[in-house]
Amino acid sequence: MNARKTIRFLRISYWVGAIVDAIVIVPMVSSSVGGVMLGITDCDPGPDYRYAIGIGSSLMCGWVMLLLWVDRKPVERKGVLLFTIIPVLVGLMVSGIYAVHSNLVIACNMLPTWIVQGLLVFLFGFSYLKAGTLSTPAISDSSKRSD
């Protein structure tokens, strides 16, 4: 794979991750949407859940912004893909396993989420490994700036 295609895969990874994360914010902040998505009937969370999900959705929004920022220097910042796989995606998968194991969610309702997460792990891992073949571009005097 040539450098142009590899960079395209990196950028696709960043944008797909940002879009998926932005979409996931909706069921996080709307308990009715989240309840329908996961098959949880009578979903009426208390203040403790609302507080925790507020923290989680703020972090998710931050991750969206991080992935968009990484796209500005796709090769130099490719390491963010590893942090997106572990601990973020793996942590979300483990949380889903907990939800199923604790009988909060049935496995068939969690399956679409796990499939998307698995596809993201594959895409991010593939892009990161392919980008390992690229050298980081040298910083010229005209591009020395912090983003």
C-alpha atoms as a PDB file:
ATOM      1  CA  MET A   1       0.000   0.000   0.000  1.00  0.00           C
ATOM      2  CA  ASN A   2       1.432   3.387  -0.911  1.00  0.00           C
ATOM      3  CA  ALA A   3       1.751   6.344   1.462  1.00  0.00           C
ATOM      4  CA  ARG A   4      -1.270   8.175   0.055  1.00  0.00           C
ATOM      5  CA  LYS A   5      -3.565   5.184   0.643  1.00  0.00           C
ATOM      6  CA  THR A   6      -2.145   4.621   4.104  1.00  0.00           C
ATOM      7  CA  ILE A   7      -2.800   8.237   5.078  1.00  0.00           C
ATOM      8  CA  ARG A   8      -6.301   7.921   3.626  1.00  0.00           C
ATOM      9  CA  PHE A   9      -6.922   4.888   5.885  1.00  0.00           C
ATOM     10  CA  LEU A  10      -5.682   6.871   8.881  1.00  0.00           C
ATOM     11  CA  ARG A  11      -7.997   9.748   8.072  1.00  0.00           C
ATOM     12  CA  ILE A  12     -10.932   7.408   7.485  1.00  0.00           C
ATOM     13  CA  SER A  13     -10.215   5.835  10.863  1.00  0.00           C
ATOM     14  CA  TYR A  14     -10.196   9.194  12.633  1.00  0.00           C
ATOM     15  CA  TRP A  15     -13.393  10.413  10.976  1.00  0.00           C
ATOM     16  CA  VAL A  16     -15.283   7.129  11.388  1.00  0.00           C
ATOM     17  CA  GLY A  17     -14.287   7.100  15.052  1.00  0.00           C
ATOM     18  CA  ALA A  18     -15.375  10.706  15.533  1.00  0.00           C
ATOM     19  CA  ILE A  19     -18.714  10.125  13.794  1.00  0.00           C
ATOM     20  CA  VAL A  20     -19.476   6.925  15.717  1.00  0.00           C
ATOM     21  CA  ASP A  21     -18.549   8.603  19.001  1.00  0.00           C
ATOM     22  CA  ALA A  22     -20.738  11.617  18.191  1.00  0.00           C
ATOM     23  CA  ILE A  23     -23.666   9.299  17.428  1.00  0.00           C
ATOM     24  CA  VAL A  24     -23.115   7.393  20.685  1.00  0.00           C
ATOM     25  CA  ILE A  25     -23.484  10.621  22.667  1.00  0.00           C
ATOM     26  CA  VAL A  26     -27.216  10.679  21.796  1.00  0.00           C
ATOM     27  CA  PRO A  27     -28.211   7.481  23.652  1.00  0.00           C
ATOM     28  CA  MET A  28     -25.884   8.495  26.463  1.00  0.00           C
ATOM     29  CA  VAL A  29     -27.635  11.795  27.173  1.00  0.00           C
ATOM     30  CA  SER A  30     -31.129  10.577  26.276  1.00  0.00           C
ATOM     31  CA  SER A  31     -32.106   7.710  28.550  1.00  0.00           C
ATOM     32  CA  SER A  32     -35.198   7.021  26.426  1.00  0.00           C
ATOM     33  CA  VAL A  33     -33.081   6.553  23.277  1.00  0.00           C
ATOM     34  CA  GLY A  34     -30.513   4.490  25.177  1.00  0.00           C
ATOM     35  CA  GLY A  35     -33.252   2.377  26.747  1.00  0.00           C
ATOM     36  CA  VAL A  36     -34.850   1.608  23.390  1.00  0.00           C
ATOM     37  CA  MET A  37     -31.480   0.859  21.799  1.00  0.00           C
ATOM     38  CA  LEU A  38     -30.531  -1.630  24.501  1.00  0.00           C
ATOM     39  CA  GLY A  39     -34.012  -3.009  25.123  1.00  0.00           C
ATOM     40  CA  ILE A  40     -34.233  -1.647  28.659  1.00  0.00           C
ATOM     41  CA  THR A  41     -37.892  -1.053  29.460  1.00  0.00           C
ATOM     42  CA  ASP A  42     -38.979   1.640  31.886  1.00  0.00           C
ATOM     43  CA  CYS A  43     -35.590   3.314  31.710  1.00  0.00           C
ATOM     44  CA  ASP A  44     -35.812   6.117  34.274  1.00  0.00           C
ATOM     45  CA  PRO A  45     -32.336   6.625  35.717  1.00  0.00           C
ATOM     46  CA  GLY A  46     -31.753   8.429  38.965  1.00  0.00           C
ATOM     47  CA  PRO A  47     -29.428  11.338  39.676  1.00  0.00           C
ATOM     48  CA  ASP A  48     -26.449   9.050  40.307  1.00  0.00           C
ATOM     49  CA  TYR A  49     -26.729   7.603  36.786  1.00  0.00           C
ATOM     50  CA  ARG A  50     -27.365  11.019  35.250  1.00  0.00           C
ATOM     51  CA  TYR A  51     -24.252  12.371  36.973  1.00  0.00           C
ATOM     52  CA  ALA A  52     -22.094   9.440  35.816  1.00  0.00           C
ATOM     53  CA  ILE A  53     -23.411   9.560  32.249  1.00  0.00           C
ATOM     54  CA  GLY A  54     -22.841  13.318  32.185  1.00  0.00           C
ATOM     55  CA  ILE A  55     -19.182  12.675  32.943  1.00  0.00           C
ATOM     56  CA  GLY A  56     -19.044   9.877  30.368  1.00  0.00           C
ATOM     57  CA  SER A  57     -20.750  11.874  27.617  1.00  0.00           C
ATOM     58  CA  SER A  58     -18.422  14.834  28.252  1.00  0.00           C
ATOM     59  CA  LEU A  59     -15.439  12.528  27.850  1.00  0.00           C
ATOM     60  CA  MET A  60     -16.984  11.033  24.701  1.00  0.00           C
ATOM     61  CA  CYS A  61     -17.413  14.525  23.264  1.00  0.00           C
ATOM     62  CA  GLY A  62     -13.779  15.220  24.103  1.00  0.00           C
ATOM     63  CA  TRP A  63     -12.752  12.062  22.258  1.00  0.00           C
ATOM     64  CA  VAL A  64     -14.653  13.266  19.182  1.00  0.00           C
ATOM     65  CA  MET A  65     -12.651  16.481  19.285  1.00  0.00           C
ATOM     66  CA  LEU A  66      -9.408  14.560  19.862  1.00  0.00           C
ATOM     67  CA  LEU A  67      -9.979  12.397  16.785  1.00  0.00           C
ATOM     68  CA  LEU A  68     -10.703  15.465  14.664  1.00  0.00           C
ATOM     69  CA  TRP A  69      -7.545  17.126  15.982  1.00  0.00           C
ATOM     70  CA  VAL A  70      -5.470  14.010  15.222  1.00  0.00           C
ATOM     71  CA  ASP A  71      -6.639  14.182  11.606  1.00  0.00           C
ATOM     72  CA  ARG A  72      -4.651  17.406  11.196  1.00  0.00           C
ATOM     73  CA  LYS A  73      -1.386  15.421  11.469  1.00  0.00           C
ATOM     74  CA  PRO A  74      -2.486  11.872  10.683  1.00  0.00           C
ATOM     75  CA  VAL A  75       0.901  10.137  10.639  1.00  0.00           C
ATOM     76  CA  GLU A  76       2.486  11.977  13.555  1.00  0.00           C
ATOM     77  CA  ARG A  77      -0.515  11.374  15.829  1.00  0.00           C
ATOM     78  CA  LYS A  78      -1.325   7.813  14.788  1.00  0.00           C
ATOM     79  CA  GLY A  79      -0.642   6.603  18.334  1.00  0.00           C
ATOM     80  CA  VAL A  80      -4.046   7.920  19.366  1.00  0.00           C
ATOM     81  CA  LEU A  81      -5.486   4.941  17.491  1.00  0.00           C
ATOM     82  CA  LEU A  82      -3.818   2.610  20.001  1.00  0.00           C
ATOM     83  CA  PHE A  83      -5.339   4.560  22.901  1.00  0.00           C
ATOM     84  CA  THR A  84      -8.681   4.359  21.164  1.00  0.00           C
ATOM     85  CA  ILE A  85      -8.390   0.567  20.963  1.00  0.00           C
ATOM     86  CA  ILE A  86      -7.009   0.096  24.494  1.00  0.00           C
ATOM     87  CA  PRO A  87      -8.410   1.244  26.899  1.00  0.00           C
ATOM     88  CA  VAL A  88     -11.375   2.948  25.188  1.00  0.00           C
ATOM     89  CA  LEU A  89     -12.887   0.290  22.889  1.00  0.00           C
ATOM     90  CA  VAL A  90     -11.770  -2.670  24.972  1.00  0.00           C
ATOM     91  CA  GLY A  91     -13.178  -0.938  28.064  1.00  0.00           C
ATOM     92  CA  LEU A  92     -16.495  -0.355  26.318  1.00  0.00           C
ATOM     93  CA  MET A  93     -16.622  -4.004  25.225  1.00  0.00           C
ATOM     94  CA  VAL A  94     -15.917  -5.186  28.779  1.00  0.00           C
ATOM     95  CA  SER A  95     -18.631  -2.849  30.067  1.00  0.00           C
ATOM     96  CA  GLY A  96     -21.035  -4.426  27.566  1.00  0.00           C
ATOM     97  CA  ILE A  97     -20.074  -7.887  28.795  1.00  0.00           C
ATOM     98  CA  TYR A  98     -20.803  -6.723  32.341  1.00  0.00           C
ATOM     99  CA  ALA A  99     -24.207  -5.367  31.270  1.00  0.00           C
ATOM    100  CA  VAL A 100     -25.112  -8.721  29.715  1.00  0.00           C
ATOM    101  CA  HIS A 101     -23.658 -10.781  32.568  1.00  0.00           C
ATOM    102  CA  SER A 102     -25.594  -8.734  35.146  1.00  0.00           C
ATOM    103  CA  ASN A 103     -28.827  -9.221  33.149  1.00  0.00           C
ATOM    104  CA  LEU A 104     -29.224  -5.502  32.513  1.00  0.00           C
ATOM    105  CA  VAL A 105     -29.121  -6.071  28.744  1.00  0.00           C
ATOM    106  CA  ILE A 106     -29.720  -9.222  26.728  1.00  0.00           C
ATOM    107  CA  ALA A 107     -26.872 -10.309  24.481  1.00  0.00           C
ATOM    108  CA  CYS A 108     -28.796  -9.913  21.202  1.00  0.00           C
ATOM    109  CA  ASN A 109     -29.377  -6.225  22.050  1.00  0.00           C
ATOM    110  CA  MET A 110     -25.679  -5.729  22.783  1.00  0.00           C
ATOM    111  CA  LEU A 111     -24.539  -7.588  19.659  1.00  0.00           C
ATOM    112  CA  PRO A 112     -24.821  -4.636  17.219  1.00  0.00           C
ATOM    113  CA  THR A 113     -22.723  -2.519  19.568  1.00  0.00           C
ATOM    114  CA  TRP A 114     -20.086  -5.229  19.852  1.00  0.00           C
ATOM    115  CA  ILE A 115     -20.005  -5.635  16.069  1.00  0.00           C
ATOM    116  CA  VAL A 116     -19.415  -1.906  15.551  1.00  0.00           C
ATOM    117  CA  GLN A 117     -16.753  -1.910  18.269  1.00  0.00           C
ATOM    118  CA  GLY A 118     -15.050  -4.940  16.727  1.00  0.00           C
ATOM    119  CA  LEU A 119     -15.045  -3.316  13.289  1.00  0.00           C
ATOM    120  CA  LEU A 120     -13.523  -0.173  14.791  1.00  0.00           C
ATOM    121  CA  VAL A 121     -10.791  -2.213  16.500  1.00  0.00           C
ATOM    122  CA  PHE A 122     -10.008  -3.855  13.159  1.00  0.00           C
ATOM    123  CA  LEU A 123     -10.032  -0.567  11.207  1.00  0.00           C
ATOM    124  CA  PHE A 124      -7.935   1.291  13.769  1.00  0.00           C
ATOM    125  CA  GLY A 125      -5.487  -1.578  14.188  1.00  0.00           C
ATOM    126  CA  PHE A 126      -5.094  -2.014  10.429  1.00  0.00           C
ATOM    127  CA  SER A 127      -4.557   1.715   9.907  1.00  0.00           C
ATOM    128  CA  TYR A 128      -2.052   1.949  12.739  1.00  0.00           C
ATOM    129  CA  LEU A 129      -0.043  -1.042  11.531  1.00  0.00           C
ATOM    130  CA  LYS A 130       0.006   0.228   7.958  1.00  0.00           C
ATOM    131  CA  ALA A 131       1.063   3.674   9.138  1.00  0.00           C
ATOM    132  CA  GLY A 132       4.025   2.075  10.912  1.00  0.00           C
ATOM    133  CA  THR A 133       5.618   1.706   7.492  1.00  0.00           C
ATOM    134  CA  LEU A 134       5.577   5.485   6.997  1.00  0.00           C
ATOM    135  CA  SER A 135       8.215   7.718   8.402  1.00  0.00           C
ATOM    136  CA  THR A 136       7.104  10.788  10.265  1.00  0.00           C
ATOM    137  CA  PRO A 137       7.581  13.800   8.008  1.00  0.00           C
ATOM    138  CA  ALA A 138      10.414  16.080   9.016  1.00  0.00           C
ATOM    139  CA  ILE A 139       9.336  19.330  10.590  1.00  0.00           C
ATOM    140  CA  SER A 140      10.388  22.270   8.501  1.00  0.00           C
ATOM    141  CA  ASP A 141      10.845  25.772   9.882  1.00  0.00           C
ATOM    142  CA  SER A 142       7.611  26.873   8.221  1.00  0.00           C
ATOM    143  CA  SER A 143       5.572  24.132   9.896  1.00  0.00           C
ATOM    144  CA  LYS A 144       6.944  24.504  13.428  1.00  0.00           C
ATOM    145  CA  ARG A 145       3.792  25.365  15.291  1.00  0.00           C
ATOM    146  CA  SER A 146       1.796  23.698  17.982  1.00  0.00           C
ATOM    147  CA  ASP A 147      -1.783  22.755  17.303  1.00  0.00           C
END
